[in-house]
Amino acid sequence: MKKIYAILPALIATLMTLTFTSCDEDYDTAYTLEGTWKGEMHINSRYGGRTYSSTYTIIDFQRDNSWSSGVGYWVDYYSDAPWDYVANHIDWRVVNGEVRIYFREEGTTLYIRDYVLNDNRFRGTLYDDGQRVDFTLYHTSSPNWSSYHWGYDDYYYDDYYYSRTTRGAVSDSTTTEKPQRFIGTK
């Protein structure tokens, strides 16, 4: 019986170390993620029966006081679509090494797993509804986020999800279709 009581404190200390290590790793990941990243995320949008591929993506992670989560922005840029970009506010969280990104305007969540992250490069796999793609982002300076029109653009009296209609697209105020974001080849 004495052996059990002698081993019990060591076992509890070991279990607590494993528990706190996970939190520390999530904190370290969130700390390193903080900032602005640019690269190819392989994001597509379907609109009007056509599929458009983004040319690059900029993501800004702003860490909050809860150690491993925060808010930010995700902007996909397009060169061949009827819009220049699709901009979203995001809420993000690192949980057991997985980065979960919630898009406020869309009400959807993407997951990042199997990644390598350092101060300059963020490379990994993006998961969405059974689809997955590999990505590479590079750490950059922060742009002026206040210049974007988030979500619906009431100023132009349309219900489109994207920002301005800038490339000669037909803008019809009765249209309620919005681009549908997806990754890979869905």
N, C-alpha and C. Protein backbone atom coordinates (compact mmCIF):
# COMPACT_ATOMS: atom_id res chain seq x y z
N MET A 1 0.82 -1.18 0.00
CA MET A 1 0.00 0.00 0.00
C MET A 1 0.87 1.25 0.00
N LYS A 2 2.01 1.19 0.70
CA LYS A 2 2.90 2.34 0.75
C LYS A 2 3.45 2.67 -0.64
N LYS A 3 3.68 1.62 -1.47
CA LYS A 3 4.20 1.84 -2.81
C LYS A 3 3.20 2.63 -3.65
N ILE A 4 1.92 2.34 -3.50
CA ILE A 4 0.89 3.06 -4.26
C ILE A 4 0.89 4.53 -3.89
N TYR A 5 0.95 4.81 -2.58
CA TYR A 5 0.97 6.21 -2.14
C TYR A 5 2.27 6.92 -2.56
N ALA A 6 3.34 6.19 -2.70
CA ALA A 6 4.60 6.78 -3.13
C ALA A 6 4.59 7.08 -4.63
N ILE A 7 3.93 6.25 -5.41
CA ILE A 7 3.87 6.42 -6.86
C ILE A 7 2.80 7.43 -7.27
N LEU A 8 1.74 7.54 -6.49
CA LEU A 8 0.62 8.42 -6.83
C LEU A 8 1.01 9.88 -7.07
N PRO A 9 1.80 10.52 -6.23
CA PRO A 9 2.19 11.91 -6.50
C PRO A 9 2.98 12.07 -7.81
N ALA A 10 3.85 11.12 -8.09
CA ALA A 10 4.63 11.17 -9.34
C ALA A 10 3.71 11.04 -10.55
N LEU A 11 2.72 10.18 -10.46
CA LEU A 11 1.76 9.99 -11.55
C LEU A 11 0.93 11.26 -11.77
N ILE A 12 0.48 11.87 -10.70
CA ILE A 12 -0.30 13.11 -10.80
C ILE A 12 0.56 14.22 -11.40
N ALA A 13 1.80 14.35 -10.98
CA ALA A 13 2.70 15.38 -11.52
C ALA A 13 2.93 15.17 -13.01
N THR A 14 3.08 13.93 -13.43
CA THR A 14 3.28 13.63 -14.85
C THR A 14 2.05 14.00 -15.66
N LEU A 15 0.87 13.65 -15.19
CA LEU A 15 -0.36 13.98 -15.90
C LEU A 15 -0.57 15.49 -15.99
N MET A 16 -0.26 16.21 -14.94
CA MET A 16 -0.42 17.67 -14.97
C MET A 16 0.57 18.29 -15.94
N THR A 17 1.77 17.75 -16.04
CA THR A 17 2.76 18.26 -17.00
C THR A 17 2.25 18.11 -18.42
N LEU A 18 1.67 16.97 -18.73
CA LEU A 18 1.12 16.75 -20.07
C LEU A 18 -0.02 17.70 -20.36
N THR A 19 -0.87 17.95 -19.40
CA THR A 19 -2.00 18.86 -19.58
C THR A 19 -1.53 20.27 -19.85
N PHE A 20 -0.58 20.77 -19.06
CA PHE A 20 -0.09 22.13 -19.23
C PHE A 20 0.75 22.28 -20.48
N THR A 21 1.41 21.24 -20.91
CA THR A 21 2.22 21.30 -22.13
C THR A 21 1.34 21.63 -23.33
N SER A 22 0.17 21.03 -23.44
CA SER A 22 -0.74 21.29 -24.55
C SER A 22 -1.14 22.75 -24.58
N CYS A 23 -1.47 23.32 -23.42
CA CYS A 23 -1.84 24.74 -23.34
C CYS A 23 -0.67 25.62 -23.75
N ASP A 24 0.54 25.25 -23.29
CA ASP A 24 1.72 26.04 -23.65
C ASP A 24 1.96 26.01 -25.16
N GLU A 25 1.79 24.86 -25.79
CA GLU A 25 1.98 24.75 -27.23
C GLU A 25 0.94 25.58 -27.98
N ASP A 26 -0.31 25.56 -27.52
CA ASP A 26 -1.35 26.37 -28.16
C ASP A 26 -1.03 27.85 -28.01
N TYR A 27 -0.54 28.24 -26.84
CA TYR A 27 -0.15 29.64 -26.62
C TYR A 27 0.99 30.03 -27.56
N ASP A 28 2.00 29.15 -27.66
CA ASP A 28 3.14 29.43 -28.53
C ASP A 28 2.70 29.57 -29.98
N THR A 29 1.80 28.69 -30.42
CA THR A 29 1.29 28.77 -31.79
C THR A 29 0.56 30.08 -32.01
N ALA A 30 -0.33 30.44 -31.08
CA ALA A 30 -1.09 31.69 -31.20
C ALA A 30 -0.16 32.89 -31.20
N TYR A 31 0.86 32.86 -30.37
CA TYR A 31 1.81 33.96 -30.29
C TYR A 31 2.55 34.12 -31.61
N THR A 32 2.95 33.00 -32.23
CA THR A 32 3.67 33.05 -33.51
C THR A 32 2.74 33.44 -34.66
N LEU A 33 1.47 33.02 -34.59
CA LEU A 33 0.50 33.37 -35.63
C LEU A 33 0.19 34.86 -35.68
N GLU A 34 0.28 35.52 -34.54
CA GLU A 34 -0.11 36.93 -34.45
C GLU A 34 0.63 37.74 -35.52
N GLY A 35 -0.16 38.48 -36.31
CA GLY A 35 0.40 39.29 -37.38
C GLY A 35 -0.33 39.04 -38.69
N THR A 36 0.25 39.53 -39.77
CA THR A 36 -0.36 39.42 -41.09
C THR A 36 0.43 38.46 -41.95
N TRP A 37 -0.30 37.59 -42.67
CA TRP A 37 0.28 36.55 -43.50
C TRP A 37 -0.30 36.65 -44.91
N LYS A 38 0.51 36.38 -45.91
CA LYS A 38 0.07 36.45 -47.31
C LYS A 38 0.57 35.23 -48.07
N GLY A 39 -0.32 34.69 -48.93
CA GLY A 39 0.09 33.56 -49.74
C GLY A 39 -1.09 32.94 -50.46
N GLU A 40 -0.87 31.73 -50.96
CA GLU A 40 -1.88 31.01 -51.73
C GLU A 40 -2.59 30.00 -50.83
N MET A 41 -3.91 30.20 -50.65
CA MET A 41 -4.71 29.29 -49.83
C MET A 41 -5.59 28.38 -50.68
N HIS A 42 -5.58 28.53 -52.01
CA HIS A 42 -6.39 27.72 -52.92
C HIS A 42 -7.88 27.85 -52.61
N ILE A 43 -8.33 29.10 -52.45
CA ILE A 43 -9.73 29.39 -52.18
C ILE A 43 -10.44 29.66 -53.50
N ASN A 44 -11.62 29.11 -53.64
CA ASN A 44 -12.46 29.32 -54.82
C ASN A 44 -13.81 29.86 -54.38
N SER A 45 -14.47 30.53 -55.30
CA SER A 45 -15.84 31.00 -55.06
C SER A 45 -16.69 30.65 -56.26
N ARG A 46 -17.87 30.15 -55.97
CA ARG A 46 -18.82 29.81 -57.03
C ARG A 46 -19.89 30.90 -57.05
N TYR A 47 -20.14 31.43 -58.26
CA TYR A 47 -21.13 32.49 -58.39
C TYR A 47 -21.66 32.50 -59.82
N GLY A 48 -22.97 32.57 -59.96
CA GLY A 48 -23.58 32.65 -61.29
C GLY A 48 -23.24 31.48 -62.18
N GLY A 49 -23.08 30.29 -61.60
CA GLY A 49 -22.77 29.11 -62.39
C GLY A 49 -21.30 28.99 -62.78
N ARG A 50 -20.47 29.92 -62.35
CA ARG A 50 -19.04 29.88 -62.66
C ARG A 50 -18.23 29.75 -61.38
N THR A 51 -17.03 29.22 -61.51
CA THR A 51 -16.11 29.10 -60.39
C THR A 51 -14.93 30.03 -60.62
N TYR A 52 -14.59 30.79 -59.60
CA TYR A 52 -13.48 31.73 -59.65
C TYR A 52 -12.44 31.32 -58.62
N SER A 53 -11.16 31.39 -58.99
CA SER A 53 -10.07 31.04 -58.07
C SER A 53 -9.38 32.30 -57.59
N SER A 54 -9.12 32.34 -56.30
CA SER A 54 -8.40 33.50 -55.76
C SER A 54 -6.95 33.45 -56.21
N THR A 55 -6.36 34.62 -56.37
CA THR A 55 -4.95 34.68 -56.75
C THR A 55 -4.04 34.65 -55.53
N TYR A 56 -4.48 35.25 -54.43
CA TYR A 56 -3.75 35.17 -53.18
C TYR A 56 -4.68 35.57 -52.04
N THR A 57 -4.23 35.29 -50.82
CA THR A 57 -5.02 35.55 -49.62
C THR A 57 -4.14 36.29 -48.61
N ILE A 58 -4.76 37.23 -47.89
CA ILE A 58 -4.10 37.90 -46.77
C ILE A 58 -4.93 37.61 -45.52
N ILE A 59 -4.25 37.13 -44.47
CA ILE A 59 -4.91 36.84 -43.20
C ILE A 59 -4.20 37.62 -42.10
N ASP A 60 -4.97 38.29 -41.26
CA ASP A 60 -4.41 39.01 -40.12
C ASP A 60 -4.94 38.38 -38.84
N PHE A 61 -4.03 37.87 -38.01
CA PHE A 61 -4.38 37.28 -36.73
C PHE A 61 -4.05 38.26 -35.62
N GLN A 62 -5.05 38.68 -34.85
CA GLN A 62 -4.84 39.56 -33.70
C GLN A 62 -5.19 38.77 -32.45
N ARG A 63 -4.19 38.49 -31.63
CA ARG A 63 -4.40 37.67 -30.44
C ARG A 63 -5.08 38.49 -29.35
N ASP A 64 -6.01 37.85 -28.64
CA ASP A 64 -6.67 38.54 -27.52
C ASP A 64 -6.03 38.10 -26.20
N ASN A 65 -6.63 38.46 -25.11
CA ASN A 65 -6.05 38.17 -23.80
C ASN A 65 -6.27 36.74 -23.32
N SER A 66 -6.93 35.89 -24.10
CA SER A 66 -7.21 34.53 -23.64
C SER A 66 -6.10 33.55 -24.01
N TRP A 67 -4.96 34.02 -24.39
CA TRP A 67 -3.76 33.23 -24.66
C TRP A 67 -3.73 32.62 -26.04
N SER A 68 -4.75 31.85 -26.44
CA SER A 68 -4.64 31.07 -27.67
C SER A 68 -5.79 31.34 -28.65
N SER A 69 -6.31 32.56 -28.67
CA SER A 69 -7.39 32.88 -29.61
C SER A 69 -7.35 34.36 -29.91
N GLY A 70 -8.23 34.76 -30.84
CA GLY A 70 -8.29 36.17 -31.17
C GLY A 70 -9.26 36.44 -32.30
N VAL A 71 -9.10 37.59 -32.90
CA VAL A 71 -9.93 38.04 -34.02
C VAL A 71 -8.99 38.39 -35.16
N GLY A 72 -9.56 38.81 -36.27
CA GLY A 72 -8.72 39.22 -37.39
C GLY A 72 -9.51 39.38 -38.65
N TYR A 73 -8.79 39.29 -39.76
CA TYR A 73 -9.37 39.49 -41.08
C TYR A 73 -8.82 38.46 -42.04
N TRP A 74 -9.66 38.03 -42.99
CA TRP A 74 -9.25 37.10 -44.05
C TRP A 74 -9.76 37.71 -45.34
N VAL A 75 -8.86 38.04 -46.27
CA VAL A 75 -9.24 38.66 -47.53
C VAL A 75 -8.68 37.83 -48.68
N ASP A 76 -9.57 37.32 -49.54
CA ASP A 76 -9.18 36.59 -50.74
C ASP A 76 -9.25 37.55 -51.92
N TYR A 77 -8.18 37.64 -52.70
CA TYR A 77 -8.12 38.52 -53.87
C TYR A 77 -8.30 37.71 -55.14
N TYR A 78 -9.05 38.27 -56.09
CA TYR A 78 -9.36 37.61 -57.36
C TYR A 78 -8.94 38.51 -58.51
N SER A 79 -8.53 37.90 -59.63
CA SER A 79 -8.19 38.71 -60.80
C SER A 79 -9.15 38.47 -61.96
N ASP A 80 -9.91 37.38 -61.92
CA ASP A 80 -10.79 37.07 -63.04
C ASP A 80 -12.27 37.05 -62.66
N ALA A 81 -12.62 37.55 -61.50
CA ALA A 81 -13.99 37.51 -61.00
C ALA A 81 -14.65 38.88 -61.17
N PRO A 82 -15.97 38.95 -61.03
CA PRO A 82 -16.66 40.24 -61.11
C PRO A 82 -16.39 41.13 -59.89
N TRP A 83 -15.58 40.68 -58.94
CA TRP A 83 -15.22 41.45 -57.76
C TRP A 83 -13.72 41.37 -57.58
N ASP A 84 -13.16 42.31 -56.84
CA ASP A 84 -11.72 42.33 -56.60
C ASP A 84 -11.32 41.45 -55.43
N TYR A 85 -12.15 41.38 -54.41
CA TYR A 85 -11.81 40.63 -53.21
C TYR A 85 -13.07 40.24 -52.46
N VAL A 86 -12.93 39.24 -51.59
CA VAL A 86 -13.96 38.86 -50.63
C VAL A 86 -13.31 38.99 -49.26
N ALA A 87 -13.89 39.84 -48.41
CA ALA A 87 -13.29 40.15 -47.10
C ALA A 87 -14.20 39.64 -45.98
N ASN A 88 -13.59 39.04 -44.97
CA ASN A 88 -14.32 38.51 -43.82
C ASN A 88 -13.63 38.89 -42.52
N HIS A 89 -14.42 39.17 -41.50
CA HIS A 89 -13.91 39.22 -40.13
C HIS A 89 -13.83 37.77 -39.66
N ILE A 90 -12.80 37.46 -38.91
CA ILE A 90 -12.65 36.09 -38.41
C ILE A 90 -12.47 36.09 -36.90
N ASP A 91 -12.89 34.99 -36.30
CA ASP A 91 -12.56 34.64 -34.92
C ASP A 91 -11.73 33.38 -35.03
N TRP A 92 -10.61 33.30 -34.35
CA TRP A 92 -9.75 32.14 -34.47
C TRP A 92 -9.33 31.65 -33.09
N ARG A 93 -9.00 30.37 -33.05
CA ARG A 93 -8.63 29.74 -31.79
C ARG A 93 -7.71 28.56 -32.10
N VAL A 94 -6.70 28.37 -31.26
CA VAL A 94 -5.83 27.20 -31.36
C VAL A 94 -6.25 26.25 -30.25
N VAL A 95 -6.67 25.04 -30.64
CA VAL A 95 -7.13 24.04 -29.67
C VAL A 95 -6.40 22.73 -29.95
N ASN A 96 -5.58 22.31 -28.99
CA ASN A 96 -4.80 21.07 -29.12
C ASN A 96 -4.03 21.03 -30.43
N GLY A 97 -3.45 22.16 -30.81
CA GLY A 97 -2.63 22.24 -32.00
C GLY A 97 -3.39 22.54 -33.28
N GLU A 98 -4.70 22.47 -33.26
CA GLU A 98 -5.51 22.75 -34.45
C GLU A 98 -5.92 24.22 -34.45
N VAL A 99 -5.76 24.89 -35.60
CA VAL A 99 -6.19 26.29 -35.73
C VAL A 99 -7.58 26.28 -36.35
N ARG A 100 -8.55 26.82 -35.61
CA ARG A 100 -9.94 26.89 -36.06
C ARG A 100 -10.26 28.33 -36.41
N ILE A 101 -10.73 28.55 -37.64
CA ILE A 101 -11.01 29.91 -38.10
C ILE A 101 -12.48 30.01 -38.48
N TYR A 102 -13.21 30.87 -37.76
CA TYR A 102 -14.64 31.09 -37.99
C TYR A 102 -14.82 32.39 -38.77
N PHE A 103 -15.54 32.31 -39.91
CA PHE A 103 -15.82 33.47 -40.75
C PHE A 103 -17.15 34.07 -40.31
N ARG A 104 -17.12 35.24 -39.71
CA ARG A 104 -18.33 35.85 -39.16
C ARG A 104 -19.39 36.12 -40.24
N GLU A 105 -19.00 36.73 -41.34
CA GLU A 105 -19.99 37.09 -42.36
C GLU A 105 -20.60 35.86 -43.04
N GLU A 106 -19.85 34.78 -43.13
CA GLU A 106 -20.34 33.56 -43.79
C GLU A 106 -20.94 32.56 -42.82
N GLY A 107 -20.53 32.60 -41.57
CA GLY A 107 -20.99 31.62 -40.60
C GLY A 107 -20.39 30.24 -40.81
N THR A 108 -19.18 30.17 -41.37
CA THR A 108 -18.52 28.89 -41.63
C THR A 108 -17.20 28.82 -40.89
N THR A 109 -16.66 27.61 -40.77
CA THR A 109 -15.39 27.39 -40.08
C THR A 109 -14.46 26.57 -40.95
N LEU A 110 -13.20 26.97 -41.02
CA LEU A 110 -12.14 26.20 -41.67
C LEU A 110 -11.17 25.76 -40.60
N TYR A 111 -10.45 24.66 -40.85
CA TYR A 111 -9.52 24.10 -39.88
C TYR A 111 -8.14 23.96 -40.51
N ILE A 112 -7.12 24.31 -39.74
CA ILE A 112 -5.74 24.14 -40.19
C ILE A 112 -5.08 23.11 -39.28
N ARG A 113 -4.54 22.06 -39.93
CA ARG A 113 -3.85 20.98 -39.21
C ARG A 113 -2.56 20.65 -39.94
N ASP A 114 -1.76 19.84 -39.33
CA ASP A 114 -0.53 19.35 -39.96
C ASP A 114 0.30 20.49 -40.51
N TYR A 115 0.61 21.46 -39.67
CA TYR A 115 1.32 22.65 -40.14
C TYR A 115 2.70 22.77 -39.53
N VAL A 116 3.50 23.58 -40.19
CA VAL A 116 4.81 24.00 -39.69
C VAL A 116 4.75 25.51 -39.65
N LEU A 117 5.10 26.09 -38.52
CA LEU A 117 4.96 27.52 -38.32
C LEU A 117 6.22 28.07 -37.68
N ASN A 118 6.76 29.14 -38.29
CA ASN A 118 7.84 29.88 -37.64
C ASN A 118 7.58 31.37 -37.85
N ASP A 119 8.52 32.20 -37.51
CA ASP A 119 8.30 33.65 -37.60
C ASP A 119 8.12 34.16 -39.02
N ASN A 120 8.55 33.40 -40.02
CA ASN A 120 8.50 33.87 -41.41
C ASN A 120 7.54 33.11 -42.31
N ARG A 121 7.30 31.83 -42.01
CA ARG A 121 6.49 31.01 -42.91
C ARG A 121 5.50 30.14 -42.14
N PHE A 122 4.31 30.01 -42.73
CA PHE A 122 3.23 29.19 -42.16
C PHE A 122 2.77 28.26 -43.28
N ARG A 123 3.08 26.98 -43.14
CA ARG A 123 2.78 26.00 -44.17
C ARG A 123 2.02 24.85 -43.53
N GLY A 124 0.92 24.41 -44.18
CA GLY A 124 0.13 23.33 -43.61
C GLY A 124 -0.99 22.89 -44.53
N THR A 125 -2.02 22.30 -43.92
CA THR A 125 -3.17 21.79 -44.67
C THR A 125 -4.43 22.42 -44.13
N LEU A 126 -5.25 22.93 -45.05
CA LEU A 126 -6.52 23.58 -44.75
C LEU A 126 -7.63 22.57 -45.01
N TYR A 127 -8.55 22.40 -44.04
CA TYR A 127 -9.64 21.44 -44.15
C TYR A 127 -10.99 22.15 -44.14
N ASP A 128 -11.89 21.70 -45.03
CA ASP A 128 -13.24 22.26 -45.11
C ASP A 128 -14.18 21.19 -45.63
N ASP A 129 -15.08 20.72 -44.79
CA ASP A 129 -16.16 19.82 -45.22
C ASP A 129 -15.66 18.66 -46.08
N GLY A 130 -14.65 17.96 -45.60
CA GLY A 130 -14.14 16.80 -46.31
C GLY A 130 -13.10 17.11 -47.37
N GLN A 131 -12.93 18.37 -47.75
CA GLN A 131 -11.91 18.77 -48.71
C GLN A 131 -10.68 19.23 -47.95
N ARG A 132 -9.52 19.10 -48.60
CA ARG A 132 -8.29 19.59 -47.97
C ARG A 132 -7.33 20.06 -49.05
N VAL A 133 -6.60 21.10 -48.73
CA VAL A 133 -5.57 21.62 -49.62
C VAL A 133 -4.37 22.06 -48.79
N ASP A 134 -3.20 21.99 -49.39
CA ASP A 134 -1.99 22.46 -48.75
C ASP A 134 -1.81 23.94 -49.07
N PHE A 135 -1.22 24.68 -48.15
CA PHE A 135 -1.01 26.11 -48.35
C PHE A 135 0.34 26.52 -47.82
N THR A 136 0.80 27.68 -48.27
CA THR A 136 1.99 28.32 -47.74
C THR A 136 1.73 29.81 -47.64
N LEU A 137 1.95 30.36 -46.46
CA LEU A 137 1.80 31.80 -46.22
C LEU A 137 3.13 32.35 -45.72
N TYR A 138 3.37 33.63 -46.02
CA TYR A 138 4.58 34.30 -45.56
C TYR A 138 4.21 35.50 -44.71
N HIS A 139 4.95 35.72 -43.64
CA HIS A 139 4.68 36.82 -42.72
C HIS A 139 5.00 38.15 -43.40
N THR A 140 4.06 39.10 -43.35
CA THR A 140 4.24 40.41 -43.98
C THR A 140 3.87 41.51 -43.00
N SER A 141 3.97 42.74 -43.45
CA SER A 141 3.53 43.86 -42.62
C SER A 141 2.01 44.00 -42.73
N SER A 142 1.41 44.69 -41.80
CA SER A 142 -0.04 44.84 -41.76
C SER A 142 -0.52 45.95 -42.70
N PRO A 143 -1.51 45.65 -43.58
CA PRO A 143 -2.09 46.69 -44.42
C PRO A 143 -3.13 47.50 -43.65
N ASN A 144 -3.70 48.48 -44.28
CA ASN A 144 -4.73 49.32 -43.68
C ASN A 144 -6.08 48.63 -43.86
N TRP A 145 -6.53 47.90 -42.83
CA TRP A 145 -7.76 47.11 -42.94
C TRP A 145 -9.01 47.97 -43.00
N SER A 146 -8.96 49.21 -42.60
CA SER A 146 -10.17 50.04 -42.60
C SER A 146 -10.63 50.42 -44.01
N SER A 147 -9.84 50.10 -45.03
CA SER A 147 -10.23 50.47 -46.39
C SER A 147 -11.14 49.44 -47.05
N TYR A 148 -11.43 48.32 -46.38
CA TYR A 148 -12.28 47.28 -46.96
C TYR A 148 -13.74 47.49 -46.59
N HIS A 149 -14.63 47.01 -47.43
CA HIS A 149 -16.06 47.00 -47.15
C HIS A 149 -16.41 45.58 -46.77
N TRP A 150 -16.77 45.35 -45.50
CA TRP A 150 -16.95 43.99 -44.99
C TRP A 150 -18.35 43.49 -45.29
N GLY A 151 -18.44 42.23 -45.72
CA GLY A 151 -19.74 41.59 -45.94
C GLY A 151 -20.55 42.28 -47.00
N TYR A 152 -21.80 42.55 -46.72
CA TYR A 152 -22.69 43.21 -47.66
C TYR A 152 -22.26 44.65 -47.88
N ASP A 153 -22.37 45.11 -49.08
CA ASP A 153 -21.95 46.46 -49.43
C ASP A 153 -23.19 47.31 -49.69
N ASP A 154 -23.80 47.85 -48.62
CA ASP A 154 -25.03 48.62 -48.74
C ASP A 154 -24.84 49.90 -49.53
N TYR A 155 -23.62 50.41 -49.55
CA TYR A 155 -23.35 51.66 -50.24
C TYR A 155 -23.70 51.56 -51.73
N TYR A 156 -23.51 50.38 -52.30
CA TYR A 156 -23.81 50.18 -53.72
C TYR A 156 -25.18 49.56 -53.95
N TYR A 157 -25.99 49.45 -52.89
CA TYR A 157 -27.36 48.97 -52.98
C TYR A 157 -27.47 47.60 -53.62
N ASP A 158 -26.55 46.73 -53.34
CA ASP A 158 -26.68 45.35 -53.80
C ASP A 158 -26.59 44.41 -52.62
N ASP A 159 -27.00 43.18 -52.83
CA ASP A 159 -26.98 42.19 -51.76
C ASP A 159 -25.86 41.18 -51.98
N TYR A 160 -24.90 41.52 -52.78
CA TYR A 160 -23.80 40.60 -53.03
C TYR A 160 -22.90 40.55 -51.82
N TYR A 161 -22.31 39.40 -51.63
CA TYR A 161 -21.43 39.23 -50.49
C TYR A 161 -20.10 39.93 -50.70
N TYR A 162 -19.62 39.93 -51.92
CA TYR A 162 -18.33 40.53 -52.19
C TYR A 162 -18.43 42.04 -52.11
N SER A 163 -17.31 42.68 -52.20
CA SER A 163 -17.28 44.13 -52.08
C SER A 163 -17.89 44.77 -53.31
N ARG A 164 -17.22 45.68 -53.94
CA ARG A 164 -17.79 46.42 -55.06
C ARG A 164 -17.81 45.61 -56.34
N THR A 165 -18.77 45.90 -57.19
CA THR A 165 -18.77 45.34 -58.53
C THR A 165 -17.88 46.25 -59.35
N THR A 166 -16.67 45.79 -59.67
CA THR A 166 -15.70 46.69 -60.27
C THR A 166 -15.24 46.26 -61.65
N ARG A 167 -15.56 45.07 -62.07
CA ARG A 167 -15.01 44.57 -63.32
C ARG A 167 -16.07 44.38 -64.39
N GLY A 168 -17.02 45.27 -64.47
CA GLY A 168 -18.02 45.21 -65.52
C GLY A 168 -19.11 44.20 -65.28
N ALA A 169 -19.21 43.66 -64.07
CA ALA A 169 -20.26 42.69 -63.78
C ALA A 169 -21.60 43.40 -63.71
N VAL A 170 -22.64 42.67 -64.05
CA VAL A 170 -23.98 43.24 -63.98
C VAL A 170 -24.42 43.25 -62.54
N SER A 171 -24.80 44.40 -62.04
CA SER A 171 -25.26 44.52 -60.67
C SER A 171 -26.76 44.71 -60.69
N ASP A 172 -27.48 43.77 -60.11
CA ASP A 172 -28.93 43.81 -60.08
C ASP A 172 -29.36 43.77 -58.63
N SER A 173 -30.05 44.79 -58.16
CA SER A 173 -30.39 44.88 -56.75
C SER A 173 -31.39 43.82 -56.32
N THR A 174 -32.01 43.09 -57.26
CA THR A 174 -32.94 42.03 -56.89
C THR A 174 -32.23 40.69 -56.73
N THR A 175 -30.96 40.60 -57.11
CA THR A 175 -30.22 39.35 -57.02
C THR A 175 -29.81 39.11 -55.57
N THR A 176 -30.06 37.89 -55.09
CA THR A 176 -29.68 37.56 -53.71
C THR A 176 -28.57 36.53 -53.67
N GLU A 177 -28.09 36.06 -54.80
CA GLU A 177 -27.03 35.08 -54.83
C GLU A 177 -25.72 35.73 -54.39
N LYS A 178 -24.98 34.99 -53.56
CA LYS A 178 -23.68 35.45 -53.09
C LYS A 178 -22.65 34.42 -53.52
N PRO A 179 -21.40 34.83 -53.70
CA PRO A 179 -20.37 33.83 -53.98
C PRO A 179 -20.28 32.84 -52.83
N GLN A 180 -20.09 31.57 -53.15
CA GLN A 180 -19.95 30.53 -52.13
C GLN A 180 -18.50 30.08 -52.10
N ARG A 181 -17.84 30.31 -50.98
CA ARG A 181 -16.42 29.99 -50.83
C ARG A 181 -16.25 28.49 -50.61
N PHE A 182 -15.19 27.94 -51.20
CA PHE A 182 -14.81 26.55 -50.93
C PHE A 182 -13.35 26.38 -51.25
N ILE A 183 -12.77 25.30 -50.75
CA ILE A 183 -11.36 25.02 -51.02
C ILE A 183 -11.28 23.82 -51.94
N GLY A 184 -10.18 23.65 -52.60
CA GLY A 184 -9.95 22.48 -53.42
C GLY A 184 -10.84 22.41 -54.64
N THR A 185 -11.37 21.22 -54.92
CA THR A 185 -12.10 20.97 -56.16
C THR A 185 -13.54 20.54 -55.91
N LYS A 186 -14.15 20.97 -54.86
CA LYS A 186 -15.50 20.57 -54.46
C LYS A 186 -16.49 20.65 -55.59
